[in-house]
């Protein structure tokens, strides 16, 4: 990362998903909750975006922000228990299913890496159901809370160190 010493890196958190497909809303709900938390409210080094089911539509906003890291958060079929949270290597995104997006995340990640000259990472949350509906399962809600709390703790640690 190219941040000056003592300066927090510029991070964009992109919540991805479809709020009409039950647990697929997980990424959007992480972003929404972060936008309401004090830890992210005054962080000039942090951009939080609710990208919905078409994250490719926010590339202009990402380009303007010029992040050093883009953290994609999405429900991902990882053959795990519902609510499981995993760092998904960008190379492994191709093998994931359960995507309800118009552009494969692997293609988006490669584009962002090359175009914005930044790192791209994905946090996957194992859904229980991507059926039509607006009910997010308890396991996925707990995972959302864990991710939000961890991001807020990291923001606080960075702020305290700076």
N, C-alpha and C. Protein backbone atom coordinates (compact mmCIF):
# COMPACT_ATOMS: atom_id res chain seq x y z
N UNK A 1 0.84 -1.17 0.00
CA UNK A 1 0.00 0.00 0.00
C UNK A 1 0.89 1.24 0.00
N UNK A 2 0.39 2.30 -0.59
CA UNK A 2 1.23 3.47 -0.80
C UNK A 2 0.95 4.60 0.17
N UNK A 3 0.22 4.37 1.23
CA UNK A 3 -0.07 5.43 2.20
C UNK A 3 1.21 5.92 2.86
N UNK A 4 1.21 7.20 3.22
CA UNK A 4 2.32 7.74 3.97
C UNK A 4 2.37 7.07 5.33
N UNK A 5 3.54 7.04 5.92
CA UNK A 5 3.68 6.43 7.24
C UNK A 5 2.80 7.19 8.22
N UNK A 6 2.03 6.43 9.02
CA UNK A 6 1.13 7.04 9.99
C UNK A 6 -0.23 7.41 9.42
N UNK A 7 -0.39 7.24 8.12
CA UNK A 7 -1.66 7.56 7.48
C UNK A 7 -2.42 6.27 7.18
N UNK A 8 -3.70 6.24 7.48
CA UNK A 8 -4.51 5.06 7.21
C UNK A 8 -4.65 4.87 5.71
N UNK A 9 -4.62 3.62 5.25
CA UNK A 9 -4.81 3.38 3.82
C UNK A 9 -6.23 3.73 3.39
N UNK A 10 -6.37 4.12 2.13
CA UNK A 10 -7.70 4.43 1.57
C UNK A 10 -8.36 3.11 1.21
N UNK A 11 -9.50 2.84 1.85
CA UNK A 11 -10.20 1.58 1.67
C UNK A 11 -11.63 1.84 1.23
N UNK A 12 -12.04 1.15 0.19
CA UNK A 12 -13.43 1.19 -0.25
C UNK A 12 -14.08 -0.15 0.10
N UNK A 13 -15.19 -0.08 0.80
CA UNK A 13 -15.95 -1.27 1.16
C UNK A 13 -17.19 -1.27 0.29
N UNK A 14 -17.34 -2.33 -0.51
CA UNK A 14 -18.42 -2.42 -1.47
C UNK A 14 -19.34 -3.58 -1.08
N UNK A 15 -20.53 -3.23 -0.60
CA UNK A 15 -21.53 -4.23 -0.24
C UNK A 15 -22.32 -4.63 -1.47
N UNK A 16 -22.31 -5.93 -1.76
CA UNK A 16 -22.92 -6.45 -2.98
C UNK A 16 -24.05 -7.40 -2.62
N UNK A 17 -25.10 -7.41 -3.45
CA UNK A 17 -26.16 -8.38 -3.26
C UNK A 17 -27.51 -7.88 -3.74
N UNK A 18 -28.49 -8.72 -3.53
CA UNK A 18 -29.85 -8.42 -3.96
C UNK A 18 -30.77 -8.53 -2.75
N UNK A 19 -31.34 -7.42 -2.33
CA UNK A 19 -32.17 -7.40 -1.12
C UNK A 19 -33.49 -8.14 -1.29
N UNK A 20 -33.80 -8.59 -2.49
CA UNK A 20 -35.03 -9.36 -2.72
C UNK A 20 -34.76 -10.86 -2.81
N UNK A 21 -33.55 -11.27 -2.43
CA UNK A 21 -33.19 -12.70 -2.50
C UNK A 21 -32.65 -13.18 -1.16
N UNK A 22 -33.41 -12.94 -0.11
CA UNK A 22 -33.09 -13.39 1.24
C UNK A 22 -31.63 -13.11 1.63
N UNK A 23 -30.84 -14.15 1.88
CA UNK A 23 -29.49 -13.99 2.40
C UNK A 23 -28.53 -13.32 1.41
N UNK A 24 -28.92 -13.21 0.15
CA UNK A 24 -28.06 -12.54 -0.83
C UNK A 24 -27.90 -11.06 -0.50
N UNK A 25 -28.71 -10.54 0.40
CA UNK A 25 -28.62 -9.13 0.81
C UNK A 25 -27.46 -8.87 1.76
N UNK A 26 -26.73 -9.89 2.16
CA UNK A 26 -25.71 -9.77 3.21
C UNK A 26 -24.72 -8.63 2.97
N UNK A 27 -24.15 -8.54 1.80
CA UNK A 27 -23.16 -7.49 1.52
C UNK A 27 -23.74 -6.09 1.63
N UNK A 28 -24.96 -5.93 1.11
CA UNK A 28 -25.64 -4.64 1.19
C UNK A 28 -25.89 -4.27 2.65
N UNK A 29 -26.28 -5.25 3.45
CA UNK A 29 -26.58 -4.99 4.86
C UNK A 29 -25.33 -4.63 5.65
N UNK A 30 -24.19 -5.20 5.30
CA UNK A 30 -22.93 -4.80 5.95
C UNK A 30 -22.66 -3.33 5.64
N UNK A 31 -22.75 -2.96 4.37
CA UNK A 31 -22.49 -1.57 3.99
C UNK A 31 -23.48 -0.62 4.65
N UNK A 32 -24.74 -0.99 4.67
CA UNK A 32 -25.77 -0.14 5.28
C UNK A 32 -25.50 0.08 6.77
N UNK A 33 -25.17 -0.99 7.46
CA UNK A 33 -24.89 -0.88 8.90
C UNK A 33 -23.64 -0.03 9.15
N UNK A 34 -22.61 -0.21 8.33
CA UNK A 34 -21.39 0.59 8.49
C UNK A 34 -21.67 2.07 8.28
N UNK A 35 -22.54 2.41 7.35
CA UNK A 35 -22.87 3.80 7.08
C UNK A 35 -23.56 4.46 8.27
N UNK A 36 -24.14 3.65 9.16
CA UNK A 36 -24.81 4.19 10.34
C UNK A 36 -23.93 4.16 11.59
N UNK A 37 -22.73 3.65 11.48
CA UNK A 37 -21.84 3.53 12.63
C UNK A 37 -20.90 4.73 12.71
N UNK A 38 -20.66 5.18 13.93
CA UNK A 38 -19.76 6.31 14.16
C UNK A 38 -18.35 6.02 13.67
N UNK A 39 -17.93 4.77 13.76
CA UNK A 39 -16.56 4.41 13.38
C UNK A 39 -16.25 4.75 11.93
N UNK A 40 -17.26 4.73 11.08
CA UNK A 40 -17.04 5.01 9.67
C UNK A 40 -17.47 6.41 9.26
N UNK A 41 -18.25 7.06 10.10
CA UNK A 41 -18.84 8.34 9.73
C UNK A 41 -17.81 9.43 9.44
N UNK A 42 -16.76 9.49 10.23
CA UNK A 42 -15.78 10.57 10.04
C UNK A 42 -14.45 10.06 9.50
N UNK A 43 -14.46 8.92 8.87
CA UNK A 43 -13.23 8.33 8.34
C UNK A 43 -13.04 8.77 6.89
N UNK A 44 -12.17 9.73 6.67
CA UNK A 44 -11.94 10.24 5.31
C UNK A 44 -11.21 9.22 4.44
N UNK A 45 -10.60 8.24 5.08
CA UNK A 45 -9.87 7.21 4.34
C UNK A 45 -10.76 6.03 3.96
N UNK A 46 -12.07 6.14 4.27
CA UNK A 46 -12.99 5.02 4.07
C UNK A 46 -14.17 5.45 3.20
N UNK A 47 -14.45 4.65 2.19
CA UNK A 47 -15.62 4.85 1.34
C UNK A 47 -16.48 3.60 1.45
N UNK A 48 -17.75 3.79 1.76
CA UNK A 48 -18.66 2.66 1.90
C UNK A 48 -19.75 2.81 0.85
N UNK A 49 -19.94 1.75 0.06
CA UNK A 49 -20.90 1.79 -1.04
C UNK A 49 -21.85 0.60 -0.95
N UNK A 50 -23.14 0.86 -1.06
CA UNK A 50 -24.13 -0.20 -1.25
C UNK A 50 -24.30 -0.36 -2.76
N UNK A 51 -23.63 -1.37 -3.31
CA UNK A 51 -23.59 -1.52 -4.77
C UNK A 51 -24.75 -2.31 -5.34
N UNK A 52 -25.52 -2.99 -4.50
CA UNK A 52 -26.62 -3.78 -5.01
C UNK A 52 -26.14 -4.96 -5.84
N UNK A 53 -26.95 -5.34 -6.82
CA UNK A 53 -26.63 -6.52 -7.62
C UNK A 53 -25.77 -6.20 -8.84
N UNK A 54 -25.41 -4.94 -9.04
CA UNK A 54 -24.60 -4.55 -10.20
C UNK A 54 -23.40 -3.70 -9.73
N UNK A 55 -22.44 -4.32 -9.05
CA UNK A 55 -21.31 -3.55 -8.52
C UNK A 55 -20.47 -2.86 -9.59
N UNK A 56 -20.57 -3.31 -10.83
CA UNK A 56 -19.83 -2.66 -11.90
C UNK A 56 -20.31 -1.22 -12.11
N UNK A 57 -21.49 -0.89 -11.62
CA UNK A 57 -22.03 0.47 -11.78
C UNK A 57 -21.37 1.48 -10.85
N UNK A 58 -20.55 1.04 -9.90
CA UNK A 58 -19.92 1.98 -8.96
C UNK A 58 -18.44 2.20 -9.26
N UNK A 59 -17.97 1.74 -10.42
CA UNK A 59 -16.55 1.88 -10.73
C UNK A 59 -16.13 3.35 -10.85
N UNK A 60 -17.01 4.22 -11.31
CA UNK A 60 -16.67 5.64 -11.39
C UNK A 60 -16.44 6.25 -10.02
N UNK A 61 -17.31 5.89 -9.08
CA UNK A 61 -17.16 6.37 -7.70
C UNK A 61 -15.87 5.83 -7.09
N UNK A 62 -15.55 4.58 -7.38
CA UNK A 62 -14.30 3.99 -6.87
C UNK A 62 -13.09 4.70 -7.48
N UNK A 63 -13.15 4.97 -8.77
CA UNK A 63 -12.04 5.66 -9.45
C UNK A 63 -11.81 7.04 -8.82
N UNK A 64 -12.87 7.78 -8.55
CA UNK A 64 -12.76 9.11 -7.93
C UNK A 64 -12.14 9.04 -6.54
N UNK A 65 -12.46 8.01 -5.79
CA UNK A 65 -11.94 7.85 -4.43
C UNK A 65 -10.48 7.40 -4.42
N UNK A 66 -10.07 6.67 -5.45
CA UNK A 66 -8.69 6.17 -5.59
C UNK A 66 -8.25 5.34 -4.38
N UNK A 67 -8.93 4.22 -4.13
CA UNK A 67 -8.57 3.40 -2.97
C UNK A 67 -7.29 2.60 -3.20
N UNK A 68 -6.68 2.23 -2.11
CA UNK A 68 -5.54 1.31 -2.17
C UNK A 68 -6.03 -0.13 -2.03
N UNK A 69 -7.20 -0.29 -1.39
CA UNK A 69 -7.81 -1.60 -1.21
C UNK A 69 -9.31 -1.46 -1.43
N UNK A 70 -9.85 -2.38 -2.22
CA UNK A 70 -11.30 -2.48 -2.38
C UNK A 70 -11.70 -3.80 -1.73
N UNK A 71 -12.58 -3.71 -0.76
CA UNK A 71 -13.06 -4.88 -0.05
C UNK A 71 -14.50 -5.15 -0.50
N UNK A 72 -14.67 -6.19 -1.30
CA UNK A 72 -15.99 -6.61 -1.75
C UNK A 72 -16.58 -7.52 -0.68
N UNK A 73 -17.84 -7.32 -0.34
CA UNK A 73 -18.51 -8.17 0.63
C UNK A 73 -19.79 -8.68 -0.02
N UNK A 74 -19.94 -10.01 -0.04
CA UNK A 74 -21.05 -10.60 -0.77
C UNK A 74 -21.40 -11.97 -0.20
N UNK A 75 -22.64 -12.36 -0.38
CA UNK A 75 -23.02 -13.74 -0.10
C UNK A 75 -22.33 -14.61 -1.14
N UNK A 76 -21.79 -15.75 -0.71
CA UNK A 76 -21.05 -16.60 -1.63
C UNK A 76 -21.27 -18.07 -1.27
N UNK A 77 -21.59 -18.86 -2.27
CA UNK A 77 -21.75 -20.30 -2.07
C UNK A 77 -20.35 -20.91 -1.95
N UNK A 78 -20.01 -21.30 -0.71
CA UNK A 78 -18.67 -21.83 -0.44
C UNK A 78 -18.74 -23.25 0.12
N UNK A 79 -19.93 -23.85 0.06
CA UNK A 79 -20.14 -25.20 0.59
C UNK A 79 -19.76 -25.27 2.07
N UNK A 80 -20.27 -24.31 2.82
CA UNK A 80 -19.97 -24.20 4.24
C UNK A 80 -21.30 -24.06 4.99
N UNK A 81 -21.23 -23.92 6.30
CA UNK A 81 -22.47 -23.75 7.08
C UNK A 81 -23.00 -22.32 6.88
N UNK A 82 -24.31 -22.14 6.92
CA UNK A 82 -24.87 -20.79 6.77
C UNK A 82 -24.26 -19.82 7.79
N UNK A 83 -23.88 -18.65 7.29
CA UNK A 83 -23.28 -17.63 8.14
C UNK A 83 -21.77 -17.71 8.23
N UNK A 84 -21.17 -18.74 7.65
CA UNK A 84 -19.70 -18.84 7.66
C UNK A 84 -19.12 -17.65 6.91
N UNK A 85 -18.03 -17.10 7.45
CA UNK A 85 -17.36 -15.94 6.86
C UNK A 85 -15.99 -16.41 6.38
N UNK A 86 -15.66 -16.11 5.14
CA UNK A 86 -14.37 -16.54 4.59
C UNK A 86 -13.77 -15.45 3.72
N UNK A 87 -12.45 -15.31 3.84
CA UNK A 87 -11.71 -14.53 2.85
C UNK A 87 -11.66 -15.40 1.61
N UNK A 88 -12.07 -14.88 0.50
CA UNK A 88 -12.06 -15.65 -0.74
C UNK A 88 -10.97 -15.07 -1.63
N UNK A 89 -9.94 -15.88 -1.93
CA UNK A 89 -8.90 -15.39 -2.83
C UNK A 89 -9.52 -15.00 -4.18
N UNK A 90 -9.03 -13.93 -4.74
CA UNK A 90 -9.57 -13.44 -6.01
C UNK A 90 -9.51 -14.54 -7.07
N UNK A 91 -8.45 -15.36 -7.03
CA UNK A 91 -8.31 -16.44 -8.01
C UNK A 91 -9.41 -17.48 -7.85
N UNK A 92 -10.01 -17.58 -6.66
CA UNK A 92 -11.03 -18.59 -6.40
C UNK A 92 -12.44 -18.11 -6.72
N UNK A 93 -12.60 -16.84 -7.02
CA UNK A 93 -13.95 -16.30 -7.27
C UNK A 93 -14.59 -16.99 -8.47
N UNK A 94 -13.78 -17.34 -9.47
CA UNK A 94 -14.33 -17.99 -10.67
C UNK A 94 -15.13 -19.23 -10.34
N UNK A 95 -14.71 -19.99 -9.32
CA UNK A 95 -15.36 -21.24 -9.00
C UNK A 95 -16.60 -21.09 -8.14
N UNK A 96 -16.92 -19.88 -7.73
CA UNK A 96 -18.06 -19.68 -6.84
C UNK A 96 -19.35 -19.60 -7.65
N UNK A 97 -20.40 -20.14 -7.05
CA UNK A 97 -21.71 -19.99 -7.67
C UNK A 97 -22.55 -19.11 -6.77
N UNK A 98 -23.83 -19.11 -6.93
CA UNK A 98 -24.78 -18.33 -6.15
C UNK A 98 -24.70 -16.85 -6.46
N UNK A 99 -24.00 -16.50 -7.53
CA UNK A 99 -23.91 -15.10 -7.89
C UNK A 99 -25.20 -14.67 -8.59
N UNK A 100 -25.74 -13.57 -8.12
CA UNK A 100 -26.94 -13.03 -8.77
C UNK A 100 -26.58 -11.74 -9.51
N UNK A 101 -25.31 -11.58 -9.83
CA UNK A 101 -24.83 -10.33 -10.41
C UNK A 101 -24.79 -10.40 -11.93
N UNK A 102 -24.90 -9.24 -12.55
CA UNK A 102 -24.91 -9.19 -13.99
C UNK A 102 -23.51 -9.41 -14.58
N UNK A 103 -22.47 -9.09 -13.84
CA UNK A 103 -21.09 -9.29 -14.29
C UNK A 103 -20.40 -10.17 -13.26
N UNK A 104 -19.70 -11.22 -13.69
CA UNK A 104 -19.02 -12.06 -12.71
C UNK A 104 -18.04 -11.25 -11.85
N UNK A 105 -18.02 -11.54 -10.54
CA UNK A 105 -17.12 -10.81 -9.64
C UNK A 105 -15.66 -10.99 -10.01
N UNK A 106 -15.32 -12.14 -10.57
CA UNK A 106 -13.93 -12.36 -10.97
C UNK A 106 -13.51 -11.35 -12.03
N UNK A 107 -14.38 -11.08 -12.97
CA UNK A 107 -14.10 -10.12 -14.04
C UNK A 107 -14.00 -8.70 -13.46
N UNK A 108 -14.93 -8.37 -12.57
CA UNK A 108 -14.90 -7.06 -11.92
C UNK A 108 -13.62 -6.88 -11.12
N UNK A 109 -13.23 -7.89 -10.36
CA UNK A 109 -12.02 -7.80 -9.54
C UNK A 109 -10.79 -7.59 -10.41
N UNK A 110 -10.69 -8.32 -11.52
CA UNK A 110 -9.54 -8.13 -12.42
C UNK A 110 -9.53 -6.72 -13.00
N UNK A 111 -10.70 -6.24 -13.41
CA UNK A 111 -10.81 -4.89 -13.96
C UNK A 111 -10.36 -3.84 -12.93
N UNK A 112 -10.87 -3.95 -11.70
CA UNK A 112 -10.52 -2.97 -10.66
C UNK A 112 -9.03 -3.00 -10.34
N UNK A 113 -8.47 -4.19 -10.27
CA UNK A 113 -7.04 -4.32 -9.98
C UNK A 113 -6.21 -3.63 -11.05
N UNK A 114 -6.54 -3.87 -12.30
CA UNK A 114 -5.77 -3.29 -13.41
C UNK A 114 -6.04 -1.80 -13.60
N UNK A 115 -7.30 -1.42 -13.58
CA UNK A 115 -7.67 -0.02 -13.86
C UNK A 115 -7.32 0.93 -12.73
N UNK A 116 -7.52 0.50 -11.49
CA UNK A 116 -7.31 1.40 -10.36
C UNK A 116 -6.00 1.15 -9.65
N UNK A 117 -5.26 0.15 -10.11
CA UNK A 117 -3.95 -0.16 -9.53
C UNK A 117 -4.04 -0.31 -8.01
N UNK A 118 -4.98 -1.16 -7.58
CA UNK A 118 -5.19 -1.37 -6.16
C UNK A 118 -5.39 -2.86 -5.89
N UNK A 119 -5.39 -3.19 -4.61
CA UNK A 119 -5.68 -4.57 -4.23
C UNK A 119 -7.19 -4.73 -4.12
N UNK A 120 -7.67 -5.92 -4.45
CA UNK A 120 -9.09 -6.24 -4.32
C UNK A 120 -9.20 -7.53 -3.52
N UNK A 121 -10.05 -7.51 -2.52
CA UNK A 121 -10.28 -8.70 -1.69
C UNK A 121 -11.77 -8.93 -1.57
N UNK A 122 -12.14 -10.17 -1.28
CA UNK A 122 -13.55 -10.52 -1.14
C UNK A 122 -13.78 -11.24 0.18
N UNK A 123 -14.76 -10.75 0.92
CA UNK A 123 -15.24 -11.48 2.09
C UNK A 123 -16.56 -12.11 1.69
N UNK A 124 -16.60 -13.44 1.76
CA UNK A 124 -17.81 -14.16 1.43
C UNK A 124 -18.57 -14.57 2.68
N UNK A 125 -19.88 -14.50 2.60
CA UNK A 125 -20.75 -14.97 3.68
C UNK A 125 -21.61 -16.08 3.10
N UNK A 126 -21.53 -17.25 3.71
CA UNK A 126 -22.30 -18.40 3.22
C UNK A 126 -23.79 -18.16 3.46
N UNK A 127 -24.60 -18.12 2.38
CA UNK A 127 -26.04 -17.95 2.56
C UNK A 127 -26.71 -19.29 2.89
N UNK A 128 -27.86 -19.19 3.49
CA UNK A 128 -28.70 -20.39 3.68
C UNK A 128 -29.70 -20.46 2.53
N UNK A 129 -30.22 -19.29 2.14
CA UNK A 129 -31.22 -19.24 1.08
C UNK A 129 -31.05 -18.01 0.21
N UNK A 130 -31.03 -18.22 -1.09
CA UNK A 130 -31.04 -17.11 -2.04
C UNK A 130 -32.37 -17.10 -2.80
N UNK A 131 -33.37 -17.76 -2.21
CA UNK A 131 -34.69 -17.77 -2.82
C UNK A 131 -35.28 -16.36 -2.76
N UNK A 132 -36.32 -16.15 -3.55
CA UNK A 132 -36.99 -14.86 -3.56
C UNK A 132 -37.60 -14.58 -2.19
N UNK A 133 -37.34 -13.40 -1.66
CA UNK A 133 -37.87 -12.99 -0.37
C UNK A 133 -36.97 -11.97 0.28
N UNK A 134 -37.42 -11.44 1.40
CA UNK A 134 -36.66 -10.41 2.10
C UNK A 134 -36.34 -10.81 3.53
N UNK A 135 -36.20 -12.11 3.78
CA UNK A 135 -35.90 -12.60 5.13
C UNK A 135 -34.46 -13.10 5.17
N UNK A 136 -33.65 -12.41 5.93
CA UNK A 136 -32.25 -12.80 6.08
C UNK A 136 -32.17 -13.70 7.31
N UNK A 137 -31.54 -14.86 7.15
CA UNK A 137 -31.44 -15.84 8.22
C UNK A 137 -30.62 -15.35 9.40
N UNK A 138 -30.90 -15.91 10.57
CA UNK A 138 -30.22 -15.51 11.81
C UNK A 138 -28.71 -15.72 11.71
N UNK A 139 -28.28 -16.80 11.08
CA UNK A 139 -26.84 -17.08 10.96
C UNK A 139 -26.15 -16.01 10.13
N UNK A 140 -26.81 -15.58 9.06
CA UNK A 140 -26.24 -14.56 8.19
C UNK A 140 -26.26 -13.20 8.89
N UNK A 141 -27.32 -12.90 9.63
CA UNK A 141 -27.37 -11.65 10.40
C UNK A 141 -26.24 -11.59 11.42
N UNK A 142 -25.94 -12.72 12.05
CA UNK A 142 -24.83 -12.76 13.01
C UNK A 142 -23.51 -12.52 12.29
N UNK A 143 -23.33 -13.09 11.11
CA UNK A 143 -22.11 -12.87 10.34
C UNK A 143 -21.97 -11.40 9.95
N UNK A 144 -23.07 -10.79 9.57
CA UNK A 144 -23.06 -9.36 9.22
C UNK A 144 -22.58 -8.54 10.42
N UNK A 145 -23.12 -8.82 11.60
CA UNK A 145 -22.71 -8.10 12.82
C UNK A 145 -21.22 -8.30 13.10
N UNK A 146 -20.73 -9.53 12.94
CA UNK A 146 -19.31 -9.81 13.19
C UNK A 146 -18.41 -9.02 12.24
N UNK A 147 -18.77 -8.97 10.97
CA UNK A 147 -17.97 -8.24 9.99
C UNK A 147 -17.98 -6.75 10.29
N UNK A 148 -19.16 -6.21 10.57
CA UNK A 148 -19.27 -4.77 10.88
C UNK A 148 -18.44 -4.44 12.12
N UNK A 149 -18.55 -5.24 13.16
CA UNK A 149 -17.79 -5.00 14.39
C UNK A 149 -16.29 -5.06 14.12
N UNK A 150 -15.85 -6.01 13.33
CA UNK A 150 -14.42 -6.15 13.03
C UNK A 150 -13.91 -4.95 12.23
N UNK A 151 -14.69 -4.51 11.26
CA UNK A 151 -14.29 -3.33 10.47
C UNK A 151 -14.22 -2.10 11.38
N UNK A 152 -15.20 -1.93 12.25
CA UNK A 152 -15.20 -0.78 13.17
C UNK A 152 -14.00 -0.85 14.13
N UNK A 153 -13.69 -2.04 14.64
CA UNK A 153 -12.53 -2.19 15.52
C UNK A 153 -11.24 -1.86 14.79
N UNK A 154 -11.14 -2.26 13.53
CA UNK A 154 -9.95 -1.96 12.72
C UNK A 154 -9.85 -0.46 12.47
N UNK A 155 -10.97 0.18 12.15
CA UNK A 155 -10.98 1.65 11.94
C UNK A 155 -10.54 2.37 13.20
N UNK A 156 -11.04 1.93 14.36
CA UNK A 156 -10.67 2.55 15.63
C UNK A 156 -9.18 2.37 15.90
N UNK A 157 -8.66 1.18 15.62
CA UNK A 157 -7.23 0.92 15.83
C UNK A 157 -6.38 1.79 14.92
N UNK A 158 -6.80 1.95 13.66
CA UNK A 158 -6.04 2.79 12.75
C UNK A 158 -6.07 4.25 13.18
N UNK A 159 -7.25 4.69 13.64
CA UNK A 159 -7.40 6.09 14.08
C UNK A 159 -6.52 6.34 15.31
N UNK A 160 -6.49 5.38 16.23
CA UNK A 160 -5.70 5.51 17.45
C UNK A 160 -4.21 5.52 17.16
N UNK A 161 -3.79 4.76 16.14
CA UNK A 161 -2.37 4.67 15.79
C UNK A 161 -1.89 5.93 15.09
N UNK A 162 -2.82 6.63 14.43
CA UNK A 162 -2.44 7.80 13.63
C UNK A 162 -2.36 9.00 14.41
